[in-house]
Amino acid sequence: MKSIRAKLILSILVITLLPVAPLYFVVKTVFEHSLEVGFNSDVELALENATALSSRLFAQYRQQVLNRAATLAQQRELHDFFSGRRRVDPEAFLRRYVAMDSVRLVLYHRDGTVLALAQRPQTLKFPQLYQSALQPPDSSGAPWFPDLNGERRFIAAAAPAGGQGFLVLVKKVDAQFLKKSR
């Protein structure tokens, strides 16, 4: 009786362990390879380079918007508008001088009141600019980036125009760029 029980237990053990052994080695090999890829220096270097490239492209994108705002602020038409010599249709001004999509142009008096506003397209919801964000960081008269309270989907650039006011150009960041930069 004892030998039959021992044989039965031994055969059950072999039958249960037989499929477990190959499965153990397969799981072990897959796990080792996934760790190897996860801690691979080439992969880490590629991720660092992609992050650096994305940051550099975003900085270039911001600089383009800032340069466009500075160029717009130098337009004679705006200087005449702020000095009271001419009325400006902001929609026509936006069409004429800004070759960007998803953009908003706001003309402010130096005290921060809105004088004119235009945007393309009309349905796009732009972030709210608060009075504190509209103050230039210094008195040099250089263009600056107003704070958008952490809103990453938009870039805002402000530039003084003619000493009587300033303009703010807000550009929506391309959705594909945002998706790739995450």
N, C-alpha and C. Protein backbone atom coordinates (compact mmCIF):
# COMPACT_ATOMS: atom_id res chain seq x y z
N MET A 1 0.82 -1.19 0.00
CA MET A 1 0.00 0.00 0.00
C MET A 1 0.86 1.25 0.00
N LYS A 2 1.94 1.17 0.81
CA LYS A 2 2.82 2.32 0.86
C LYS A 2 3.48 2.59 -0.47
N SER A 3 3.87 1.60 -1.18
CA SER A 3 4.57 1.81 -2.44
C SER A 3 3.62 2.37 -3.50
N ILE A 4 2.35 1.96 -3.47
CA ILE A 4 1.39 2.50 -4.43
C ILE A 4 1.15 3.99 -4.13
N ARG A 5 1.01 4.31 -2.82
CA ARG A 5 0.80 5.71 -2.45
C ARG A 5 2.01 6.55 -2.86
N ALA A 6 3.20 6.06 -2.63
CA ALA A 6 4.41 6.80 -2.99
C ALA A 6 4.50 6.98 -4.50
N LYS A 7 4.17 5.94 -5.25
CA LYS A 7 4.20 6.04 -6.71
C LYS A 7 3.15 7.04 -7.20
N LEU A 8 1.98 7.00 -6.58
CA LEU A 8 0.91 7.90 -6.96
C LEU A 8 1.28 9.37 -6.68
N ILE A 9 1.84 9.62 -5.52
CA ILE A 9 2.26 10.98 -5.16
C ILE A 9 3.37 11.44 -6.09
N LEU A 10 4.32 10.57 -6.37
CA LEU A 10 5.42 10.91 -7.26
C LEU A 10 4.91 11.21 -8.67
N SER A 11 4.00 10.42 -9.18
CA SER A 11 3.47 10.66 -10.53
C SER A 11 2.64 11.95 -10.59
N ILE A 12 1.87 12.24 -9.54
CA ILE A 12 1.10 13.50 -9.50
C ILE A 12 2.05 14.69 -9.47
N LEU A 13 3.10 14.58 -8.68
CA LEU A 13 4.10 15.65 -8.61
C LEU A 13 4.75 15.89 -9.96
N VAL A 14 5.10 14.84 -10.66
CA VAL A 14 5.73 14.97 -11.97
C VAL A 14 4.75 15.60 -12.96
N ILE A 15 3.51 15.17 -12.93
CA ILE A 15 2.51 15.69 -13.86
C ILE A 15 2.26 17.18 -13.62
N THR A 16 2.24 17.62 -12.35
CA THR A 16 2.00 19.04 -12.08
C THR A 16 3.23 19.90 -12.34
N LEU A 17 4.40 19.39 -12.07
CA LEU A 17 5.62 20.18 -12.25
C LEU A 17 6.11 20.21 -13.69
N LEU A 18 5.69 19.26 -14.48
CA LEU A 18 6.15 19.20 -15.87
C LEU A 18 5.78 20.48 -16.65
N PRO A 19 4.55 20.99 -16.64
CA PRO A 19 4.26 22.22 -17.37
C PRO A 19 4.79 23.48 -16.67
N VAL A 20 5.01 23.41 -15.37
CA VAL A 20 5.46 24.58 -14.62
C VAL A 20 6.92 24.91 -14.94
N ALA A 21 7.75 23.93 -15.11
CA ALA A 21 9.18 24.16 -15.35
C ALA A 21 9.44 24.97 -16.62
N PRO A 22 8.89 24.60 -17.78
CA PRO A 22 9.14 25.43 -18.97
C PRO A 22 8.54 26.83 -18.83
N LEU A 23 7.37 26.91 -18.21
CA LEU A 23 6.75 28.21 -18.00
C LEU A 23 7.63 29.10 -17.13
N TYR A 24 8.24 28.53 -16.13
CA TYR A 24 9.15 29.29 -15.26
C TYR A 24 10.31 29.87 -16.07
N PHE A 25 10.90 29.07 -16.93
CA PHE A 25 12.05 29.55 -17.72
C PHE A 25 11.63 30.60 -18.75
N VAL A 26 10.45 30.45 -19.33
CA VAL A 26 9.96 31.45 -20.29
C VAL A 26 9.74 32.79 -19.59
N VAL A 27 9.07 32.77 -18.45
CA VAL A 27 8.81 34.00 -17.71
C VAL A 27 10.12 34.64 -17.26
N LYS A 28 11.04 33.83 -16.80
CA LYS A 28 12.34 34.35 -16.34
C LYS A 28 13.08 35.03 -17.49
N THR A 29 13.09 34.43 -18.66
CA THR A 29 13.77 35.00 -19.82
C THR A 29 13.11 36.31 -20.26
N VAL A 30 11.80 36.33 -20.34
CA VAL A 30 11.08 37.55 -20.75
C VAL A 30 11.35 38.67 -19.76
N PHE A 31 11.30 38.37 -18.49
CA PHE A 31 11.54 39.38 -17.45
C PHE A 31 12.96 39.93 -17.53
N GLU A 32 13.94 39.06 -17.76
CA GLU A 32 15.33 39.53 -17.88
C GLU A 32 15.50 40.44 -19.09
N HIS A 33 14.86 40.09 -20.21
CA HIS A 33 14.97 40.92 -21.41
C HIS A 33 14.28 42.27 -21.23
N SER A 34 13.16 42.29 -20.54
CA SER A 34 12.48 43.56 -20.33
C SER A 34 13.30 44.47 -19.42
N LEU A 35 13.96 43.91 -18.43
CA LEU A 35 14.84 44.71 -17.58
C LEU A 35 16.04 45.22 -18.37
N GLU A 36 16.54 44.38 -19.26
CA GLU A 36 17.69 44.76 -20.07
C GLU A 36 17.35 45.95 -20.97
N VAL A 37 16.15 45.94 -21.56
CA VAL A 37 15.72 47.05 -22.41
C VAL A 37 15.45 48.29 -21.56
N GLY A 38 14.85 48.10 -20.39
CA GLY A 38 14.52 49.23 -19.52
C GLY A 38 15.74 49.96 -19.01
N PHE A 39 16.82 49.27 -18.78
CA PHE A 39 18.03 49.89 -18.26
C PHE A 39 19.14 49.98 -19.31
N ASN A 40 18.73 49.99 -20.55
CA ASN A 40 19.68 50.07 -21.65
C ASN A 40 20.15 51.52 -21.80
N SER A 41 21.44 51.71 -21.87
CA SER A 41 21.98 53.07 -21.97
C SER A 41 21.61 53.73 -23.31
N ASP A 42 21.49 52.93 -24.36
CA ASP A 42 21.09 53.49 -25.66
C ASP A 42 19.67 54.04 -25.61
N VAL A 43 18.79 53.30 -24.96
CA VAL A 43 17.40 53.75 -24.83
C VAL A 43 17.34 55.01 -23.98
N GLU A 44 18.06 55.04 -22.88
CA GLU A 44 18.08 56.22 -22.02
C GLU A 44 18.64 57.43 -22.76
N LEU A 45 19.70 57.23 -23.53
CA LEU A 45 20.29 58.32 -24.30
C LEU A 45 19.30 58.84 -25.35
N ALA A 46 18.60 57.93 -26.01
CA ALA A 46 17.61 58.34 -27.01
C ALA A 46 16.48 59.15 -26.37
N LEU A 47 16.04 58.73 -25.19
CA LEU A 47 14.99 59.48 -24.49
C LEU A 47 15.48 60.86 -24.08
N GLU A 48 16.70 60.96 -23.59
CA GLU A 48 17.26 62.26 -23.21
C GLU A 48 17.38 63.18 -24.42
N ASN A 49 17.85 62.62 -25.55
CA ASN A 49 17.98 63.42 -26.77
C ASN A 49 16.62 63.90 -27.28
N ALA A 50 15.62 63.02 -27.22
CA ALA A 50 14.28 63.40 -27.66
C ALA A 50 13.72 64.51 -26.77
N THR A 51 13.95 64.41 -25.48
CA THR A 51 13.48 65.44 -24.56
C THR A 51 14.18 66.77 -24.83
N ALA A 52 15.48 66.72 -25.04
CA ALA A 52 16.24 67.94 -25.32
C ALA A 52 15.78 68.57 -26.64
N LEU A 53 15.56 67.75 -27.65
CA LEU A 53 15.09 68.26 -28.95
C LEU A 53 13.71 68.89 -28.82
N SER A 54 12.83 68.23 -28.08
CA SER A 54 11.49 68.78 -27.87
C SER A 54 11.55 70.12 -27.14
N SER A 55 12.39 70.22 -26.14
CA SER A 55 12.54 71.48 -25.41
C SER A 55 13.09 72.58 -26.31
N ARG A 56 14.07 72.22 -27.14
CA ARG A 56 14.67 73.20 -28.04
C ARG A 56 13.64 73.68 -29.08
N LEU A 57 12.85 72.75 -29.62
CA LEU A 57 11.83 73.13 -30.60
C LEU A 57 10.76 74.02 -29.97
N PHE A 58 10.37 73.70 -28.74
CA PHE A 58 9.37 74.53 -28.06
C PHE A 58 9.92 75.92 -27.79
N ALA A 59 11.19 76.02 -27.42
CA ALA A 59 11.82 77.33 -27.20
C ALA A 59 11.85 78.12 -28.51
N GLN A 60 12.15 77.45 -29.62
CA GLN A 60 12.14 78.12 -30.92
C GLN A 60 10.73 78.60 -31.27
N TYR A 61 9.76 77.77 -30.99
CA TYR A 61 8.36 78.10 -31.25
C TYR A 61 7.96 79.34 -30.46
N ARG A 62 8.33 79.38 -29.19
CA ARG A 62 8.03 80.55 -28.35
C ARG A 62 8.73 81.79 -28.89
N GLN A 63 9.99 81.62 -29.32
CA GLN A 63 10.75 82.76 -29.83
C GLN A 63 10.12 83.30 -31.11
N GLN A 64 9.60 82.41 -31.96
CA GLN A 64 8.93 82.87 -33.18
C GLN A 64 7.71 83.72 -32.86
N VAL A 65 6.94 83.29 -31.86
CA VAL A 65 5.75 84.07 -31.47
C VAL A 65 6.18 85.41 -30.89
N LEU A 66 7.24 85.42 -30.08
CA LEU A 66 7.74 86.66 -29.49
C LEU A 66 8.25 87.61 -30.58
N ASN A 67 8.99 87.07 -31.55
CA ASN A 67 9.49 87.89 -32.66
C ASN A 67 8.34 88.47 -33.48
N ARG A 68 7.30 87.66 -33.70
CA ARG A 68 6.15 88.14 -34.47
C ARG A 68 5.46 89.27 -33.71
N ALA A 69 5.32 89.14 -32.40
CA ALA A 69 4.70 90.20 -31.59
C ALA A 69 5.53 91.48 -31.65
N ALA A 70 6.85 91.34 -31.57
CA ALA A 70 7.73 92.51 -31.63
C ALA A 70 7.64 93.20 -32.99
N THR A 71 7.56 92.40 -34.06
CA THR A 71 7.42 92.96 -35.41
C THR A 71 6.09 93.69 -35.56
N LEU A 72 5.03 93.09 -35.05
CA LEU A 72 3.72 93.74 -35.13
C LEU A 72 3.71 95.06 -34.37
N ALA A 73 4.37 95.09 -33.23
CA ALA A 73 4.39 96.30 -32.40
C ALA A 73 5.09 97.45 -33.11
N GLN A 74 5.95 97.15 -34.07
CA GLN A 74 6.68 98.19 -34.80
C GLN A 74 5.91 98.75 -35.99
N GLN A 75 4.76 98.18 -36.31
CA GLN A 75 3.99 98.64 -37.46
C GLN A 75 3.50 100.07 -37.25
N ARG A 76 3.67 100.89 -38.26
CA ARG A 76 3.27 102.30 -38.20
C ARG A 76 1.78 102.44 -37.92
N GLU A 77 1.03 101.53 -38.49
CA GLU A 77 -0.42 101.52 -38.32
C GLU A 77 -0.81 101.46 -36.83
N LEU A 78 -0.09 100.65 -36.07
CA LEU A 78 -0.37 100.53 -34.64
C LEU A 78 0.06 101.77 -33.88
N HIS A 79 1.19 102.34 -34.24
CA HIS A 79 1.64 103.56 -33.58
C HIS A 79 0.62 104.68 -33.78
N ASP A 80 0.07 104.77 -35.00
CA ASP A 80 -0.96 105.77 -35.27
C ASP A 80 -2.23 105.48 -34.47
N PHE A 81 -2.54 104.20 -34.33
CA PHE A 81 -3.73 103.81 -33.55
C PHE A 81 -3.57 104.22 -32.08
N PHE A 82 -2.43 103.92 -31.50
CA PHE A 82 -2.22 104.23 -30.09
C PHE A 82 -2.10 105.73 -29.83
N SER A 83 -1.64 106.48 -30.82
CA SER A 83 -1.55 107.93 -30.64
C SER A 83 -2.88 108.63 -30.95
N GLY A 84 -3.87 107.88 -31.44
CA GLY A 84 -5.18 108.45 -31.70
C GLY A 84 -5.33 109.03 -33.08
N ARG A 85 -4.35 108.87 -33.97
CA ARG A 85 -4.42 109.45 -35.31
C ARG A 85 -5.18 108.57 -36.30
N ARG A 86 -5.41 107.31 -35.96
CA ARG A 86 -6.03 106.41 -36.92
C ARG A 86 -6.78 105.31 -36.18
N ARG A 87 -7.89 104.88 -36.76
CA ARG A 87 -8.61 103.71 -36.24
C ARG A 87 -8.04 102.48 -36.93
N VAL A 88 -7.98 101.40 -36.21
CA VAL A 88 -7.47 100.15 -36.78
C VAL A 88 -8.55 99.08 -36.64
N ASP A 89 -8.80 98.40 -37.75
CA ASP A 89 -9.68 97.24 -37.71
C ASP A 89 -8.80 96.05 -37.32
N PRO A 90 -8.95 95.52 -36.11
CA PRO A 90 -8.05 94.47 -35.66
C PRO A 90 -8.13 93.20 -36.51
N GLU A 91 -9.31 92.89 -37.04
CA GLU A 91 -9.45 91.70 -37.89
C GLU A 91 -8.62 91.86 -39.17
N ALA A 92 -8.73 93.03 -39.80
CA ALA A 92 -7.96 93.28 -41.02
C ALA A 92 -6.47 93.31 -40.72
N PHE A 93 -6.10 93.90 -39.60
CA PHE A 93 -4.70 93.95 -39.19
C PHE A 93 -4.16 92.53 -38.99
N LEU A 94 -4.94 91.69 -38.33
CA LEU A 94 -4.54 90.30 -38.10
C LEU A 94 -4.37 89.56 -39.42
N ARG A 95 -5.33 89.74 -40.33
CA ARG A 95 -5.23 89.07 -41.64
C ARG A 95 -4.02 89.55 -42.41
N ARG A 96 -3.73 90.84 -42.35
CA ARG A 96 -2.66 91.43 -43.15
C ARG A 96 -1.27 91.04 -42.63
N TYR A 97 -1.08 91.02 -41.33
CA TYR A 97 0.27 90.88 -40.78
C TYR A 97 0.58 89.55 -40.10
N VAL A 98 -0.42 88.77 -39.81
CA VAL A 98 -0.17 87.52 -39.08
C VAL A 98 -0.57 86.35 -39.95
N ALA A 99 0.43 85.60 -40.39
CA ALA A 99 0.18 84.43 -41.24
C ALA A 99 0.15 83.16 -40.40
N MET A 100 -0.48 83.22 -39.24
CA MET A 100 -0.57 82.06 -38.36
C MET A 100 -2.04 81.69 -38.19
N ASP A 101 -2.28 80.42 -37.94
CA ASP A 101 -3.63 79.98 -37.59
C ASP A 101 -3.73 79.89 -36.07
N SER A 102 -4.94 79.80 -35.58
CA SER A 102 -5.20 79.65 -34.14
C SER A 102 -4.47 80.71 -33.34
N VAL A 103 -4.81 81.96 -33.62
CA VAL A 103 -4.09 83.07 -33.01
C VAL A 103 -5.09 84.14 -32.54
N ARG A 104 -4.70 84.85 -31.48
CA ARG A 104 -5.50 85.96 -30.96
C ARG A 104 -4.58 87.16 -30.79
N LEU A 105 -5.07 88.33 -31.22
CA LEU A 105 -4.34 89.58 -31.07
C LEU A 105 -5.19 90.51 -30.21
N VAL A 106 -4.60 91.00 -29.13
CA VAL A 106 -5.31 91.93 -28.24
C VAL A 106 -4.47 93.19 -28.12
N LEU A 107 -5.10 94.34 -28.36
CA LEU A 107 -4.42 95.63 -28.21
C LEU A 107 -4.86 96.24 -26.88
N TYR A 108 -3.89 96.56 -26.04
CA TYR A 108 -4.17 97.11 -24.71
C TYR A 108 -3.67 98.54 -24.61
N HIS A 109 -4.40 99.35 -23.86
CA HIS A 109 -3.90 100.66 -23.46
C HIS A 109 -2.85 100.41 -22.39
N ARG A 110 -1.97 101.37 -22.15
CA ARG A 110 -0.90 101.15 -21.18
C ARG A 110 -1.42 100.90 -19.76
N ASP A 111 -2.67 101.30 -19.48
CA ASP A 111 -3.23 101.01 -18.15
C ASP A 111 -3.84 99.61 -18.06
N GLY A 112 -3.83 98.86 -19.17
CA GLY A 112 -4.29 97.48 -19.16
C GLY A 112 -5.70 97.27 -19.67
N THR A 113 -6.39 98.31 -20.12
CA THR A 113 -7.73 98.12 -20.66
C THR A 113 -7.64 97.67 -22.12
N VAL A 114 -8.56 96.81 -22.50
CA VAL A 114 -8.57 96.26 -23.86
C VAL A 114 -9.14 97.31 -24.80
N LEU A 115 -8.39 97.60 -25.86
CA LEU A 115 -8.84 98.55 -26.88
C LEU A 115 -9.41 97.85 -28.10
N ALA A 116 -8.82 96.74 -28.49
CA ALA A 116 -9.29 96.00 -29.66
C ALA A 116 -8.86 94.55 -29.52
N LEU A 117 -9.63 93.68 -30.18
CA LEU A 117 -9.35 92.25 -30.10
C LEU A 117 -9.73 91.59 -31.41
N ALA A 118 -8.92 90.66 -31.85
CA ALA A 118 -9.23 89.86 -33.03
C ALA A 118 -8.66 88.47 -32.82
N GLN A 119 -9.34 87.48 -33.35
CA GLN A 119 -8.81 86.13 -33.24
C GLN A 119 -9.25 85.29 -34.42
N ARG A 120 -8.48 84.25 -34.66
CA ARG A 120 -8.75 83.29 -35.72
C ARG A 120 -8.53 81.90 -35.17
N PRO A 121 -9.42 80.97 -35.24
CA PRO A 121 -10.82 81.10 -35.59
C PRO A 121 -11.62 81.67 -34.42
N GLN A 122 -12.81 82.11 -34.72
CA GLN A 122 -13.64 82.76 -33.70
C GLN A 122 -14.09 81.78 -32.62
N THR A 123 -14.17 80.51 -32.94
CA THR A 123 -14.70 79.52 -32.00
C THR A 123 -13.68 79.03 -30.98
N LEU A 124 -12.41 79.30 -31.19
CA LEU A 124 -11.37 78.79 -30.29
C LEU A 124 -11.41 79.53 -28.96
N LYS A 125 -11.35 78.78 -27.87
CA LYS A 125 -11.38 79.38 -26.53
C LYS A 125 -9.95 79.61 -26.05
N PHE A 126 -9.59 80.86 -25.92
CA PHE A 126 -8.25 81.24 -25.48
C PHE A 126 -8.22 81.42 -23.97
N PRO A 127 -7.06 81.25 -23.35
CA PRO A 127 -6.98 81.41 -21.89
C PRO A 127 -7.15 82.87 -21.48
N GLN A 128 -7.60 83.05 -20.26
CA GLN A 128 -7.80 84.39 -19.69
C GLN A 128 -6.44 84.97 -19.27
N LEU A 129 -6.16 86.19 -19.69
CA LEU A 129 -4.94 86.88 -19.26
C LEU A 129 -5.29 87.80 -18.10
N TYR A 130 -4.64 87.60 -16.99
CA TYR A 130 -4.92 88.41 -15.81
C TYR A 130 -4.06 89.67 -15.81
N GLN A 131 -4.55 90.69 -15.14
CA GLN A 131 -3.88 91.99 -15.10
C GLN A 131 -2.43 91.86 -14.65
N SER A 132 -2.18 90.99 -13.67
CA SER A 132 -0.81 90.84 -13.16
C SER A 132 0.12 90.26 -14.22
N ALA A 133 -0.42 89.44 -15.12
CA ALA A 133 0.41 88.84 -16.17
C ALA A 133 0.76 89.84 -17.26
N LEU A 134 0.02 90.93 -17.34
CA LEU A 134 0.24 91.90 -18.40
C LEU A 134 1.30 92.94 -18.07
N GLN A 135 1.81 92.91 -16.87
CA GLN A 135 2.85 93.87 -16.48
C GLN A 135 4.19 93.42 -17.04
N PRO A 136 4.91 94.29 -17.75
CA PRO A 136 6.23 93.90 -18.27
C PRO A 136 7.18 93.62 -17.11
N PRO A 137 8.10 92.67 -17.30
CA PRO A 137 9.02 92.32 -16.22
C PRO A 137 10.01 93.44 -15.88
N ASP A 138 10.28 94.32 -16.83
CA ASP A 138 11.18 95.45 -16.56
C ASP A 138 10.76 96.64 -17.43
N SER A 139 11.45 97.73 -17.29
CA SER A 139 11.07 98.94 -18.03
C SER A 139 11.92 99.13 -19.29
N SER A 140 12.52 98.07 -19.79
CA SER A 140 13.41 98.19 -20.95
C SER A 140 12.64 98.37 -22.26
N GLY A 141 11.36 98.05 -22.27
CA GLY A 141 10.59 98.16 -23.50
C GLY A 141 10.74 96.95 -24.40
N ALA A 142 11.34 95.89 -23.89
CA ALA A 142 11.52 94.67 -24.67
C ALA A 142 10.26 93.80 -24.60
N PRO A 143 10.01 93.01 -25.63
CA PRO A 143 8.87 92.08 -25.58
C PRO A 143 9.06 91.07 -24.45
N TRP A 144 7.96 90.52 -23.98
CA TRP A 144 8.03 89.55 -22.89
C TRP A 144 6.94 88.49 -23.05
N PHE A 145 7.06 87.43 -22.26
CA PHE A 145 6.09 86.34 -22.25
C PHE A 145 5.17 86.51 -21.03
N PRO A 146 3.91 86.89 -21.24
CA PRO A 146 2.99 86.96 -20.09
C PRO A 146 2.72 85.56 -19.54
N ASP A 147 2.44 85.48 -18.27
CA ASP A 147 2.16 84.21 -17.61
C ASP A 147 0.74 83.76 -17.96
N LEU A 148 0.61 82.51 -18.38
CA LEU A 148 -0.70 81.96 -18.71
C LEU A 148 -1.19 80.98 -17.65
N ASN A 149 -0.66 81.08 -16.46
CA ASN A 149 -1.06 80.21 -15.34
C ASN A 149 -0.92 78.73 -15.66
N GLY A 150 0.20 78.36 -16.25
CA GLY A 150 0.48 76.96 -16.52
C GLY A 150 -0.23 76.37 -17.72
N GLU A 151 -0.89 77.17 -18.49
CA GLU A 151 -1.59 76.68 -19.68
C GLU A 151 -0.56 76.37 -20.76
N ARG A 152 -0.37 75.06 -21.05
CA ARG A 152 0.66 74.64 -22.00
C ARG A 152 0.19 74.65 -23.45
N ARG A 153 -1.11 74.73 -23.67
CA ARG A 153 -1.62 74.65 -25.03
C ARG A 153 -1.48 75.95 -25.80
N PHE A 154 -1.08 77.03 -25.11
CA PHE A 154 -0.97 78.34 -25.75
C PHE A 154 0.36 78.99 -25.40
N ILE A 155 0.83 79.85 -26.31
CA ILE A 155 2.00 80.68 -26.06
C ILE A 155 1.55 82.12 -26.22
N ALA A 156 1.85 82.93 -25.23
CA ALA A 156 1.50 84.35 -25.30
C ALA A 156 2.77 85.17 -25.34
N ALA A 157 2.78 86.19 -26.19
CA ALA A 157 3.91 87.11 -26.27
C ALA A 157 3.35 88.53 -26.30
N ALA A 158 3.97 89.41 -25.52
CA ALA A 158 3.52 90.80 -25.45
C ALA A 158 4.66 91.71 -25.88
N ALA A 159 4.29 92.83 -26.50
CA ALA A 159 5.30 93.80 -26.94
C ALA A 159 4.72 95.20 -26.83
N PRO A 160 5.51 96.15 -26.30
CA PRO A 160 5.04 97.53 -26.22
C PRO A 160 4.93 98.13 -27.62
N ALA A 161 3.90 98.96 -27.82
CA ALA A 161 3.68 99.55 -29.14
C ALA A 161 3.49 101.05 -29.01
N GLY A 162 4.48 101.79 -29.36
CA GLY A 162 4.37 103.24 -29.42
C GLY A 162 4.31 103.97 -28.10
N GLY A 163 4.61 103.33 -27.00
CA GLY A 163 4.63 103.99 -25.72
C GLY A 163 3.26 104.23 -25.10
N GLN A 164 2.21 104.12 -25.89
CA GLN A 164 0.85 104.37 -25.39
C GLN A 164 0.12 103.08 -25.02
N GLY A 165 0.67 101.97 -25.42
CA GLY A 165 0.00 100.70 -25.15
C GLY A 165 0.89 99.54 -25.55
N PHE A 166 0.29 98.39 -25.60
CA PHE A 166 1.03 97.20 -26.00
C PHE A 166 0.07 96.21 -26.62
N LEU A 167 0.63 95.24 -27.29
CA LEU A 167 -0.19 94.19 -27.88
C LEU A 167 0.21 92.86 -27.29
N VAL A 168 -0.74 91.94 -27.28
CA VAL A 168 -0.49 90.57 -26.84
C VAL A 168 -0.92 89.65 -27.96
N LEU A 169 -0.01 88.79 -28.37
CA LEU A 169 -0.27 87.80 -29.41
C LEU A 169 -0.30 86.44 -28.72
N VAL A 170 -1.42 85.73 -28.83
CA VAL A 170 -1.56 84.41 -28.21
C VAL A 170 -1.72 83.40 -29.33
N LYS A 171 -0.85 82.40 -29.34
CA LYS A 171 -0.85 81.37 -30.39
C LYS A 171 -1.12 80.02 -29.76
N LYS A 172 -2.03 79.26 -30.36
CA LYS A 172 -2.30 77.91 -29.89
C LYS A 172 -1.18 77.00 -30.39
N VAL A 173 -0.64 76.22 -29.49
CA VAL A 173 0.42 75.27 -29.85
C VAL A 173 -0.23 74.12 -30.62
N ASP A 174 0.43 73.69 -31.67
CA ASP A 174 -0.07 72.61 -32.50
C ASP A 174 -0.31 71.36 -31.65
N ALA A 175 -1.46 70.74 -31.82
CA ALA A 175 -1.83 69.56 -31.01
C ALA A 175 -0.85 68.41 -31.22
N GLN A 176 -0.37 68.23 -32.45
CA GLN A 176 0.60 67.16 -32.72
C GLN A 176 1.89 67.38 -31.95
N PHE A 177 2.32 68.65 -31.85
CA PHE A 177 3.54 68.95 -31.10
C PHE A 177 3.35 68.63 -29.63
N LEU A 178 2.20 69.01 -29.08
CA LEU A 178 1.92 68.71 -27.68
C LEU A 178 1.88 67.21 -27.43
N LYS A 179 1.28 66.48 -28.36
CA LYS A 179 1.17 65.03 -28.20
C LYS A 179 2.55 64.38 -28.23
N LYS A 180 3.41 64.84 -29.13
CA LYS A 180 4.75 64.25 -29.26
C LYS A 180 5.67 64.67 -28.12
N SER A 181 5.41 65.82 -27.52
CA SER A 181 6.32 66.31 -26.48
C SER A 181 6.00 65.74 -25.10
N ARG A 182 4.96 64.98 -24.97
CA ARG A 182 4.62 64.40 -23.66
C ARG A 182 5.44 63.19 -23.37
